[in-house]
């Protein structure tokens, strides 16, 4: 089994009030400024505020979660 693909987190930008998809590896930096999948550098709004309107570009670029396969034991 190979390494897991990076996941995205929905982060609202306080400048455009849109909810952008940001790679979880981007969030590790913790600077408050993150590059979204669409290329927009966002300034993160308070994490307690509700999500903004989803960014249409990020929504198109986000890969769907891989389907997990389960084995049935008999």
C-alpha atoms as a PDB file:
ATOM      1  CA  UNK A   1       0.000   0.000   0.000  1.00  0.00           C
ATOM      2  CA  UNK A   2       1.474   3.339  -1.082  1.00  0.00           C
ATOM      3  CA  UNK A   3       1.371   6.729   0.595  1.00  0.00           C
ATOM      4  CA  UNK A   4      -2.027   8.336   1.021  1.00  0.00           C
ATOM      5  CA  UNK A   5      -2.847  11.206  -1.349  1.00  0.00           C
ATOM      6  CA  UNK A   6      -3.019  14.664   0.243  1.00  0.00           C
ATOM      7  CA  UNK A   7      -6.428  15.700   1.515  1.00  0.00           C
ATOM      8  CA  UNK A   8      -8.016  19.132   1.237  1.00  0.00           C
ATOM      9  CA  UNK A   9      -9.614  21.285   3.894  1.00  0.00           C
ATOM     10  CA  UNK A  10     -12.247  23.905   3.231  1.00  0.00           C
ATOM     11  CA  UNK A  11     -10.979  27.320   4.390  1.00  0.00           C
ATOM     12  CA  UNK A  12     -12.925  30.568   3.999  1.00  0.00           C
ATOM     13  CA  UNK A  13     -10.974  33.595   2.790  1.00  0.00           C
ATOM     14  CA  UNK A  14     -11.751  36.764   4.729  1.00  0.00           C
ATOM     15  CA  UNK A  15     -11.095  38.879   1.608  1.00  0.00           C
ATOM     16  CA  UNK A  16     -13.460  37.280  -0.943  1.00  0.00           C
ATOM     17  CA  UNK A  17     -15.722  35.383   1.535  1.00  0.00           C
ATOM     18  CA  UNK A  18     -15.386  32.217  -0.555  1.00  0.00           C
ATOM     19  CA  UNK A  19     -14.659  28.774   0.801  1.00  0.00           C
ATOM     20  CA  UNK A  20     -11.507  27.480  -0.923  1.00  0.00           C
ATOM     21  CA  UNK A  21      -9.978  24.015  -0.876  1.00  0.00           C
ATOM     22  CA  UNK A  22      -6.484  24.008   0.648  1.00  0.00           C
ATOM     23  CA  UNK A  23      -4.141  21.016   0.811  1.00  0.00           C
ATOM     24  CA  UNK A  24      -3.684  19.752   4.345  1.00  0.00           C
ATOM     25  CA  UNK A  25       0.083  19.952   3.822  1.00  0.00           C
ATOM     26  CA  UNK A  26      -0.317  23.728   3.215  1.00  0.00           C
ATOM     27  CA  UNK A  27      -2.047  24.156   6.573  1.00  0.00           C
ATOM     28  CA  UNK A  28       0.915  22.711   8.463  1.00  0.00           C
ATOM     29  CA  UNK A  29       2.811  25.946   7.876  1.00  0.00           C
ATOM     30  CA  UNK A  30       0.303  27.844  10.044  1.00  0.00           C
ATOM     31  CA  UNK A  31       1.049  31.278   8.599  1.00  0.00           C
ATOM     32  CA  UNK A  32      -2.589  32.294   8.013  1.00  0.00           C
ATOM     33  CA  UNK A  33      -1.924  32.691   4.272  1.00  0.00           C
ATOM     34  CA  UNK A  34      -2.470  29.603   2.143  1.00  0.00           C
ATOM     35  CA  UNK A  35      -2.500  28.759  -1.566  1.00  0.00           C
ATOM     36  CA  UNK A  36      -5.815  27.208  -2.572  1.00  0.00           C
ATOM     37  CA  UNK A  37      -6.218  24.619  -5.329  1.00  0.00           C
ATOM     38  CA  UNK A  38      -7.430  27.392  -7.667  1.00  0.00           C
ATOM     39  CA  UNK A  39      -4.133  29.291  -7.128  1.00  0.00           C
ATOM     40  CA  UNK A  40      -5.676  32.075  -5.036  1.00  0.00           C
ATOM     41  CA  UNK A  41      -3.599  32.974  -1.960  1.00  0.00           C
ATOM     42  CA  UNK A  42      -6.148  33.262   0.799  1.00  0.00           C
ATOM     43  CA  UNK A  43      -6.142  34.987   4.145  1.00  0.00           C
ATOM     44  CA  UNK A  44      -7.903  32.561   6.447  1.00  0.00           C
ATOM     45  CA  UNK A  45     -11.012  33.811   8.212  1.00  0.00           C
ATOM     46  CA  UNK A  46     -11.710  32.759  11.771  1.00  0.00           C
ATOM     47  CA  UNK A  47     -12.203  29.001  11.899  1.00  0.00           C
ATOM     48  CA  UNK A  48     -15.324  29.576  14.011  1.00  0.00           C
ATOM     49  CA  UNK A  49     -17.052  31.520  11.234  1.00  0.00           C
ATOM     50  CA  UNK A  50     -19.364  29.619   8.872  1.00  0.00           C
ATOM     51  CA  UNK A  51     -18.076  28.492   5.488  1.00  0.00           C
ATOM     52  CA  UNK A  52     -18.462  30.959   2.666  1.00  0.00           C
ATOM     53  CA  UNK A  53     -19.828  30.224  -0.790  1.00  0.00           C
ATOM     54  CA  UNK A  54     -17.685  27.435  -2.324  1.00  0.00           C
ATOM     55  CA  UNK A  55     -15.119  28.533  -4.909  1.00  0.00           C
ATOM     56  CA  UNK A  56     -16.205  27.040  -8.232  1.00  0.00           C
ATOM     57  CA  UNK A  57     -12.611  26.625  -9.457  1.00  0.00           C
ATOM     58  CA  UNK A  58     -11.541  24.738  -6.325  1.00  0.00           C
ATOM     59  CA  UNK A  59     -14.630  22.526  -6.587  1.00  0.00           C
ATOM     60  CA  UNK A  60     -13.697  21.559 -10.143  1.00  0.00           C
ATOM     61  CA  UNK A  61     -10.058  20.858  -9.269  1.00  0.00           C
ATOM     62  CA  UNK A  62     -10.671  18.799  -6.137  1.00  0.00           C
ATOM     63  CA  UNK A  63     -10.277  15.118  -6.800  1.00  0.00           C
ATOM     64  CA  UNK A  64     -13.088  12.918  -5.547  1.00  0.00           C
ATOM     65  CA  UNK A  65     -12.174  10.757  -2.591  1.00  0.00           C
ATOM     66  CA  UNK A  66     -11.045   7.313  -3.696  1.00  0.00           C
ATOM     67  CA  UNK A  67     -13.551   4.569  -3.073  1.00  0.00           C
ATOM     68  CA  UNK A  68     -12.406   2.138  -0.448  1.00  0.00           C
ATOM     69  CA  UNK A  69     -12.689  -1.522  -1.151  1.00  0.00           C
ATOM     70  CA  UNK A  70     -13.623  -3.844   1.645  1.00  0.00           C
ATOM     71  CA  UNK A  71     -13.073  -7.550   1.737  1.00  0.00           C
ATOM     72  CA  UNK A  72     -15.861  -9.717   3.049  1.00  0.00           C
ATOM     73  CA  UNK A  73     -14.649 -12.428   5.392  1.00  0.00           C
ATOM     74  CA  UNK A  74     -16.565 -15.686   5.415  1.00  0.00           C
END
